[in-house]
Amino acid sequence: MTPDPSSQTIGPESFEQALSRLEEIVRKLDDPEIRIEESVELYQEGLRLSRICSERLETVSQKIEQIRAQDSVSADASTEDDPTR
């Protein structure tokens, strides 16, 4: 039996895979010939993938803010050490 792809966990390294799968789901949901059962399954998978992507983006955003804050502190410290500034 083949594992259900919707039950697999998407790790941080596969954000792009999750996003790509979301795009594929949107294309399938746009198909007027899709069965209602399949559309519900795809919708559920899409919600799960959307949450994963959102969480990953939030984590990355927080990390960028931390880097900016550290860079700002470093820049302030180097300015204080330089009497010509």
N, C-alpha and C. Protein backbone atom coordinates (compact mmCIF):
# COMPACT_ATOMS: atom_id res chain seq x y z
N MET A 1 0.84 -1.19 0.00
CA MET A 1 0.00 0.00 0.00
C MET A 1 0.88 1.24 0.00
N THR A 2 0.59 2.19 -0.85
CA THR A 2 1.35 3.43 -0.96
C THR A 2 0.95 4.38 0.16
N PRO A 3 1.95 5.02 0.84
CA PRO A 3 1.60 5.96 1.90
C PRO A 3 0.85 7.16 1.34
N ASP A 4 -0.10 7.64 2.11
CA ASP A 4 -0.88 8.82 1.73
C ASP A 4 0.00 10.05 1.84
N PRO A 5 0.25 10.79 0.73
CA PRO A 5 1.13 11.95 0.78
C PRO A 5 0.62 13.03 1.72
N SER A 6 -0.68 13.10 1.95
CA SER A 6 -1.20 14.13 2.83
C SER A 6 -0.90 13.85 4.29
N SER A 7 -0.48 12.61 4.61
CA SER A 7 -0.17 12.27 6.00
C SER A 7 1.31 12.47 6.30
N GLN A 8 2.10 12.76 5.30
CA GLN A 8 3.52 12.96 5.51
C GLN A 8 3.78 14.36 6.06
N THR A 9 4.74 14.44 6.97
CA THR A 9 5.11 15.72 7.56
C THR A 9 6.04 16.46 6.62
N ILE A 10 5.78 17.72 6.43
CA ILE A 10 6.64 18.57 5.61
C ILE A 10 7.62 19.24 6.55
N GLY A 11 8.90 18.99 6.33
CA GLY A 11 9.93 19.58 7.18
C GLY A 11 10.33 20.95 6.70
N PRO A 12 11.13 21.64 7.50
CA PRO A 12 11.54 23.00 7.14
C PRO A 12 12.30 23.07 5.83
N GLU A 13 12.99 21.97 5.47
CA GLU A 13 13.78 21.99 4.25
C GLU A 13 12.92 21.84 3.00
N SER A 14 11.64 21.52 3.17
CA SER A 14 10.82 21.29 2.00
C SER A 14 9.67 22.30 1.87
N PHE A 15 9.92 23.52 2.30
CA PHE A 15 8.94 24.60 2.13
C PHE A 15 8.54 24.72 0.67
N GLU A 16 9.53 24.68 -0.20
CA GLU A 16 9.26 24.84 -1.63
C GLU A 16 8.39 23.69 -2.14
N GLN A 17 8.61 22.48 -1.62
CA GLN A 17 7.78 21.35 -2.02
C GLN A 17 6.34 21.56 -1.58
N ALA A 18 6.15 22.05 -0.37
CA ALA A 18 4.80 22.30 0.13
C ALA A 18 4.12 23.36 -0.72
N LEU A 19 4.84 24.40 -1.05
CA LEU A 19 4.28 25.47 -1.88
C LEU A 19 3.93 24.96 -3.28
N SER A 20 4.80 24.16 -3.82
CA SER A 20 4.55 23.58 -5.14
C SER A 20 3.31 22.69 -5.11
N ARG A 21 3.19 21.90 -4.06
CA ARG A 21 2.02 21.03 -3.92
C ARG A 21 0.74 21.87 -3.79
N LEU A 22 0.82 22.97 -3.04
CA LEU A 22 -0.33 23.87 -2.92
C LEU A 22 -0.77 24.40 -4.28
N GLU A 23 0.20 24.78 -5.11
CA GLU A 23 -0.11 25.28 -6.45
C GLU A 23 -0.79 24.19 -7.28
N GLU A 24 -0.30 22.96 -7.12
CA GLU A 24 -0.90 21.82 -7.84
C GLU A 24 -2.34 21.60 -7.37
N ILE A 25 -2.58 21.71 -6.08
CA ILE A 25 -3.92 21.53 -5.53
C ILE A 25 -4.87 22.59 -6.08
N VAL A 26 -4.41 23.83 -6.15
CA VAL A 26 -5.25 24.91 -6.69
C VAL A 26 -5.63 24.61 -8.13
N ARG A 27 -4.66 24.15 -8.92
CA ARG A 27 -4.97 23.80 -10.32
C ARG A 27 -6.03 22.70 -10.39
N LYS A 28 -5.88 21.68 -9.54
CA LYS A 28 -6.85 20.58 -9.55
C LYS A 28 -8.23 21.05 -9.09
N LEU A 29 -8.28 21.91 -8.09
CA LEU A 29 -9.56 22.40 -7.60
C LEU A 29 -10.27 23.29 -8.63
N ASP A 30 -9.50 23.88 -9.52
CA ASP A 30 -10.08 24.71 -10.59
C ASP A 30 -10.71 23.87 -11.70
N ASP A 31 -10.42 22.58 -11.70
CA ASP A 31 -10.95 21.69 -12.73
C ASP A 31 -12.43 21.43 -12.48
N PRO A 32 -13.30 21.80 -13.41
CA PRO A 32 -14.73 21.60 -13.20
C PRO A 32 -15.15 20.12 -13.17
N GLU A 33 -14.28 19.24 -13.62
CA GLU A 33 -14.58 17.80 -13.66
C GLU A 33 -14.22 17.07 -12.37
N ILE A 34 -13.66 17.76 -11.39
CA ILE A 34 -13.21 17.11 -10.16
C ILE A 34 -14.40 16.57 -9.36
N ARG A 35 -14.23 15.39 -8.79
CA ARG A 35 -15.27 14.80 -7.95
C ARG A 35 -15.31 15.54 -6.62
N ILE A 36 -16.48 15.63 -6.03
CA ILE A 36 -16.65 16.36 -4.78
C ILE A 36 -15.81 15.75 -3.66
N GLU A 37 -15.72 14.43 -3.61
CA GLU A 37 -14.92 13.76 -2.57
C GLU A 37 -13.45 14.15 -2.69
N GLU A 38 -12.96 14.15 -3.92
CA GLU A 38 -11.56 14.51 -4.15
C GLU A 38 -11.32 15.98 -3.81
N SER A 39 -12.28 16.82 -4.14
CA SER A 39 -12.10 18.25 -3.86
C SER A 39 -12.03 18.50 -2.35
N VAL A 40 -12.81 17.76 -1.56
CA VAL A 40 -12.76 17.91 -0.11
C VAL A 40 -11.41 17.45 0.43
N GLU A 41 -10.92 16.32 -0.07
CA GLU A 41 -9.61 15.81 0.36
C GLU A 41 -8.50 16.81 0.00
N LEU A 42 -8.56 17.32 -1.21
CA LEU A 42 -7.55 18.29 -1.64
C LEU A 42 -7.63 19.57 -0.82
N TYR A 43 -8.84 20.00 -0.52
CA TYR A 43 -9.02 21.20 0.30
C TYR A 43 -8.40 21.01 1.67
N GLN A 44 -8.63 19.85 2.29
CA GLN A 44 -8.04 19.57 3.61
C GLN A 44 -6.51 19.56 3.53
N GLU A 45 -5.98 18.92 2.52
CA GLU A 45 -4.53 18.89 2.35
C GLU A 45 -3.99 20.30 2.13
N GLY A 46 -4.71 21.08 1.34
CA GLY A 46 -4.29 22.46 1.08
C GLY A 46 -4.26 23.29 2.35
N LEU A 47 -5.25 23.12 3.20
CA LEU A 47 -5.26 23.85 4.48
C LEU A 47 -4.06 23.47 5.33
N ARG A 48 -3.77 22.17 5.39
CA ARG A 48 -2.62 21.69 6.18
C ARG A 48 -1.32 22.28 5.63
N LEU A 49 -1.16 22.23 4.33
CA LEU A 49 0.06 22.75 3.71
C LEU A 49 0.16 24.27 3.88
N SER A 50 -0.97 24.94 3.80
CA SER A 50 -0.98 26.39 3.99
C SER A 50 -0.52 26.76 5.39
N ARG A 51 -0.98 26.02 6.39
CA ARG A 51 -0.54 26.27 7.77
C ARG A 51 0.95 26.04 7.92
N ILE A 52 1.43 24.96 7.32
CA ILE A 52 2.86 24.64 7.40
C ILE A 52 3.68 25.77 6.77
N CYS A 53 3.26 26.23 5.59
CA CYS A 53 3.98 27.31 4.91
C CYS A 53 3.93 28.60 5.73
N SER A 54 2.78 28.92 6.27
CA SER A 54 2.64 30.14 7.07
C SER A 54 3.52 30.10 8.31
N GLU A 55 3.54 28.95 8.98
CA GLU A 55 4.39 28.81 10.16
C GLU A 55 5.87 28.96 9.79
N ARG A 56 6.25 28.35 8.68
CA ARG A 56 7.64 28.43 8.24
C ARG A 56 8.01 29.88 7.90
N LEU A 57 7.12 30.58 7.21
CA LEU A 57 7.38 31.98 6.87
C LEU A 57 7.48 32.84 8.12
N GLU A 58 6.64 32.58 9.10
CA GLU A 58 6.69 33.33 10.36
C GLU A 58 8.02 33.09 11.08
N THR A 59 8.47 31.84 11.10
CA THR A 59 9.75 31.50 11.72
C THR A 59 10.90 32.23 11.03
N VAL A 60 10.89 32.22 9.71
CA VAL A 60 11.94 32.88 8.94
C VAL A 60 11.89 34.40 9.17
N SER A 61 10.71 34.95 9.21
CA SER A 61 10.55 36.39 9.46
C SER A 61 11.12 36.78 10.82
N GLN A 62 10.83 35.97 11.83
CA GLN A 62 11.37 36.24 13.17
C GLN A 62 12.90 36.16 13.17
N LYS A 63 13.43 35.19 12.46
CA LYS A 63 14.88 35.05 12.39
C LYS A 63 15.51 36.27 11.71
N ILE A 64 14.90 36.76 10.66
CA ILE A 64 15.40 37.95 9.96
C ILE A 64 15.39 39.15 10.91
N GLU A 65 14.32 39.29 11.68
CA GLU A 65 14.24 40.40 12.64
C GLU A 65 15.34 40.28 13.70
N GLN A 66 15.64 39.07 14.15
CA GLN A 66 16.72 38.87 15.12
C GLN A 66 18.06 39.26 14.52
N ILE A 67 18.28 38.88 13.27
CA ILE A 67 19.53 39.22 12.59
C ILE A 67 19.65 40.74 12.45
N ARG A 68 18.56 41.39 12.07
CA ARG A 68 18.58 42.85 11.94
C ARG A 68 18.87 43.52 13.28
N ALA A 69 18.27 43.01 14.33
CA ALA A 69 18.48 43.58 15.67
C ALA A 69 19.94 43.41 16.08
N GLN A 70 20.51 42.23 15.84
CA GLN A 70 21.91 41.99 16.18
C GLN A 70 22.83 42.89 15.35
N ASP A 71 22.50 43.05 14.08
CA ASP A 71 23.30 43.90 13.21
C ASP A 71 23.24 45.35 13.67
N SER A 72 22.06 45.77 14.09
CA SER A 72 21.88 47.13 14.58
C SER A 72 22.71 47.37 15.84
N VAL A 73 22.71 46.39 16.75
CA VAL A 73 23.50 46.50 17.98
C VAL A 73 24.98 46.54 17.64
N SER A 74 25.40 45.70 16.70
CA SER A 74 26.81 45.68 16.29
C SER A 74 27.22 47.00 15.66
N ALA A 75 26.35 47.56 14.83
CA ALA A 75 26.65 48.84 14.17
C ALA A 75 26.74 49.95 15.21
N ASP A 76 25.84 49.95 16.19
CA ASP A 76 25.87 50.95 17.25
C ASP A 76 27.14 50.83 18.07
N ALA A 77 27.55 49.61 18.36
CA ALA A 77 28.76 49.38 19.16
C ALA A 77 30.00 49.85 18.41
N SER A 78 30.07 49.61 17.12
CA SER A 78 31.24 50.01 16.36
C SER A 78 31.29 51.52 16.20
N THR A 79 30.14 52.18 16.15
CA THR A 79 30.08 53.63 16.07
C THR A 79 30.57 54.25 17.37
N GLU A 80 30.20 53.66 18.50
CA GLU A 80 30.62 54.17 19.81
C GLU A 80 32.12 53.99 20.00
N ASP A 81 32.71 52.95 19.40
CA ASP A 81 34.14 52.68 19.54
C ASP A 81 34.99 53.59 18.65
N ASP A 82 34.38 54.21 17.65
CA ASP A 82 35.10 55.04 16.69
C ASP A 82 34.95 56.52 17.08
N PRO A 83 35.97 57.16 17.65
CA PRO A 83 35.84 58.54 18.08
C PRO A 83 35.69 59.54 16.92
N THR A 84 35.99 59.15 15.69
CA THR A 84 35.87 60.06 14.55
C THR A 84 34.44 60.19 14.07
N ARG A 85 33.53 59.39 14.60
CA ARG A 85 32.12 59.44 14.16
C ARG A 85 31.29 60.22 15.11
